Protein backbone atom coordinates (compact mmCIF):
# COMPACT_ATOMS: atom_id res chain seq x y z
CA MET A 1 -30.02 -21.35 50.94
CA THR A 2 -28.89 -18.16 53.10
CA THR A 3 -30.46 -14.58 53.28
CA LYS A 4 -28.14 -11.60 53.06
CA ALA A 5 -29.42 -10.81 56.23
CA ASP A 6 -28.42 -14.24 57.32
CA CYS A 7 -24.71 -13.59 56.16
CA ARG A 8 -24.70 -10.03 57.99
CA GLU A 9 -26.07 -11.71 61.08
CA TRP A 10 -23.23 -15.02 60.98
CA ASN A 11 -20.98 -11.81 59.83
CA VAL A 12 -21.64 -9.73 63.16
CA CYS A 13 -21.61 -13.20 65.04
CA LEU A 14 -17.63 -13.79 63.98
CA GLU A 15 -17.03 -10.47 64.44
CA ASN A 16 -18.39 -10.50 68.12
CA LEU A 17 -16.29 -13.61 68.63
CA GLU A 18 -12.99 -11.90 67.36
CA LYS A 19 -13.36 -8.91 69.64
CA GLN A 20 -14.03 -11.35 72.35
CA LEU A 21 -11.07 -13.57 71.57
CA GLU A 22 -8.75 -10.32 71.21
CA THR A 23 -10.08 -8.78 74.62
CA PRO A 24 -7.89 -8.53 77.51
CA ARG A 25 -8.63 -11.11 80.17
CA VAL A 26 -9.17 -9.07 83.47
CA PRO A 27 -8.39 -10.65 86.30
CA GLY A 28 -11.13 -12.48 88.33
CA GLU A 29 -13.05 -12.51 84.80
CA GLN A 30 -11.15 -15.30 83.35
CA ALA A 31 -14.11 -17.46 83.64
CA ALA A 32 -16.70 -15.47 82.57
CA TRP A 33 -14.81 -14.38 79.70
CA VAL A 34 -14.22 -17.81 78.61
CA GLU A 35 -18.10 -18.06 78.83
CA ARG A 36 -19.01 -15.25 76.69
CA VAL A 37 -16.28 -17.07 74.18
CA GLU A 38 -18.32 -20.50 74.55
CA SER A 39 -21.34 -19.11 73.52
CA LEU A 40 -20.24 -17.35 70.65
CA ALA A 41 -18.21 -20.06 69.58
CA GLN A 42 -21.76 -22.36 69.17
CA LEU A 43 -23.09 -19.77 67.67
CA ALA A 44 -20.18 -19.66 65.40
CA CYS A 45 -20.37 -23.28 64.77
CA GLU A 46 -23.89 -23.16 63.91
CA GLY A 47 -23.06 -20.72 61.56
CA VAL A 48 -20.42 -22.61 59.82
CA GLN A 49 -22.64 -25.80 59.59
CA ARG A 50 -25.33 -23.79 57.76
CA ARG A 51 -22.79 -22.65 55.15
CA VAL A 52 -20.84 -25.92 54.40
CA GLU A 53 -24.23 -27.80 54.43
CA SER A 54 -27.08 -25.56 52.76
CA ASP A 55 -24.92 -22.64 50.65
CA HIS A 56 -21.68 -24.28 49.60
CA PRO A 57 -22.88 -27.39 47.99
CA GLY A 58 -24.52 -24.49 45.73
CA LEU A 59 -21.60 -22.55 45.18
CA LEU A 60 -19.28 -25.23 44.28
CA GLU A 61 -21.53 -27.06 42.14
CA ALA A 62 -22.23 -23.78 40.66
CA ILE A 63 -18.43 -23.19 40.37
CA GLY A 64 -17.56 -26.93 38.68
CA GLU A 65 -20.11 -26.51 36.31
CA GLU A 66 -19.50 -23.08 35.11
CA ASP A 67 -15.61 -24.30 34.69
CA ALA A 68 -14.70 -27.69 34.61
CA GLU A 69 -10.79 -26.55 35.23
CA LEU A 70 -11.95 -25.22 38.35
CA LEU A 71 -12.95 -29.38 39.69
CA SER A 72 -10.05 -29.70 41.51
CA ARG A 73 -10.59 -26.03 43.71
CA VAL A 74 -14.22 -27.67 44.20
CA GLU A 75 -12.96 -30.66 45.98
CA GLN A 76 -10.48 -28.45 47.70
CA MET A 77 -12.98 -26.09 49.02
CA LYS A 78 -15.46 -29.09 49.90
CA GLN A 79 -13.22 -30.73 51.78
CA GLN A 80 -11.62 -27.15 54.05
CA GLY A 81 -15.79 -26.91 54.40
CA CYS A 82 -15.84 -30.41 55.78
CA GLU A 83 -12.57 -30.23 57.48
CA LEU A 84 -13.48 -26.24 59.24
CA GLN A 85 -16.92 -27.98 60.49
CA GLU A 86 -14.93 -30.62 62.11
CA GLN A 87 -12.41 -28.10 63.78
CA TRP A 88 -15.19 -25.43 65.14
CA HIS A 89 -17.03 -28.57 67.03
CA GLU A 90 -13.77 -29.06 68.47
CA PHE A 91 -13.64 -25.78 69.46
CA VAL A 92 -17.08 -25.49 71.31
CA ARG A 93 -16.17 -28.88 72.91
CA ASN A 94 -12.93 -27.41 74.10
CA ALA A 95 -14.38 -24.04 75.16
CA GLN A 96 -16.55 -26.04 76.99
CA ARG A 97 -14.33 -27.88 79.15
CA LEU A 98 -11.93 -24.82 79.71
CA ARG A 99 -15.36 -22.82 80.68
CA ASP A 100 -15.65 -25.98 83.84
CA THR A 101 -11.65 -26.08 84.84
CA CYS A 102 -11.82 -22.05 85.10
CA ARG A 103 -14.81 -22.21 87.24
CA ALA A 104 -12.92 -25.14 89.53
CA ALA A 105 -9.67 -22.73 89.14
CA GLU A 106 -11.45 -19.48 89.74
CA PRO A 107 -8.99 -18.22 92.82
CA ASP A 108 -6.01 -19.02 90.82
CA GLU A 109 -6.90 -17.96 87.58
CA ALA A 110 -2.83 -17.87 86.55
CA LYS A 111 -2.89 -21.80 86.36
CA MET A 112 -5.17 -21.52 83.48
CA ARG A 113 -3.51 -18.24 81.61
CA GLY A 114 -2.01 -20.51 79.29
CA HIS A 115 -4.90 -22.88 78.16
CA VAL A 116 -7.07 -19.26 77.67
CA ASP A 117 -4.23 -18.12 75.50
CA GLU A 118 -4.24 -21.15 73.49
CA LEU A 119 -8.32 -21.06 73.25
CA ALA A 120 -7.90 -17.29 71.97
CA ALA A 121 -5.43 -18.53 69.14
CA GLU A 122 -7.47 -21.60 68.06
CA GLY A 123 -10.68 -19.58 67.86
CA LEU A 124 -8.85 -16.41 65.89
CA ARG A 125 -7.25 -19.40 63.52
CA LEU A 126 -10.63 -20.44 62.74
CA ILE A 127 -12.04 -17.23 62.32
CA ILE A 128 -9.15 -16.25 59.55
CA GLU A 129 -9.61 -19.75 58.01
CA THR A 130 -13.40 -19.35 57.89
CA ARG A 131 -13.23 -16.20 56.46
CA SER A 132 -10.67 -17.44 53.69
CA LEU A 133 -12.42 -19.96 52.80
CA GLU A 134 -15.96 -17.60 52.02
CA LEU A 135 -13.80 -15.48 50.04
CA ALA A 136 -12.21 -18.55 47.97
CA LEU A 137 -16.02 -19.54 47.04
CA ASP A 138 -16.74 -16.04 46.14
CA THR A 139 -13.20 -15.57 44.11
CA TRP A 140 -13.83 -18.71 42.11
CA LEU A 141 -17.46 -18.27 41.90
CA GLY A 142 -16.71 -15.08 40.09
CA GLU A 143 -13.69 -16.70 38.16
CA SER A 144 -15.51 -19.30 36.95
CA LEU A 145 -18.34 -16.64 35.60
CA SER A 146 -16.33 -14.15 34.30
CA ARG A 147 -13.10 -16.45 33.12
CA ASP A 148 -11.48 -16.03 29.55
CA ARG A 149 -11.67 -19.49 28.08
CA GLY A 150 -10.03 -18.70 24.80
CA ASP A 151 -11.88 -20.41 21.95
CA VAL A 152 -14.12 -22.06 24.11
CA ASP A 153 -16.06 -19.43 25.48
């Protein structure tokens, strides 16, 4: 199970990646920008994998045990976690390919600008989806524990 310190570290990792993705690309620095994104994305990917494989199963099980009416949500969140893992791995691979391509195209960065913009947009989308899943887990766990089920309670 992830500790609070691990969660803080992972949130800082996501924040650092988000900040890098939002940082303007200075001419002559595009390859370095992509390298930094790739490095931070790898850390985020590892964090997502750790959360989905180690922490989510216990949380999802607790939600289902506390409130069977939420089992469809549990399955939905489980599926979303698996999809996010795959998407993060693909994002890292894309960043690695783009890093190599940017190095080769460095004298003419304009050719790569569109690809770099797409990478930034995809990374920000993944960060939002990752945070949304974590928030959903917290919300539904809280709901399962405090939900008023009428006479059943």
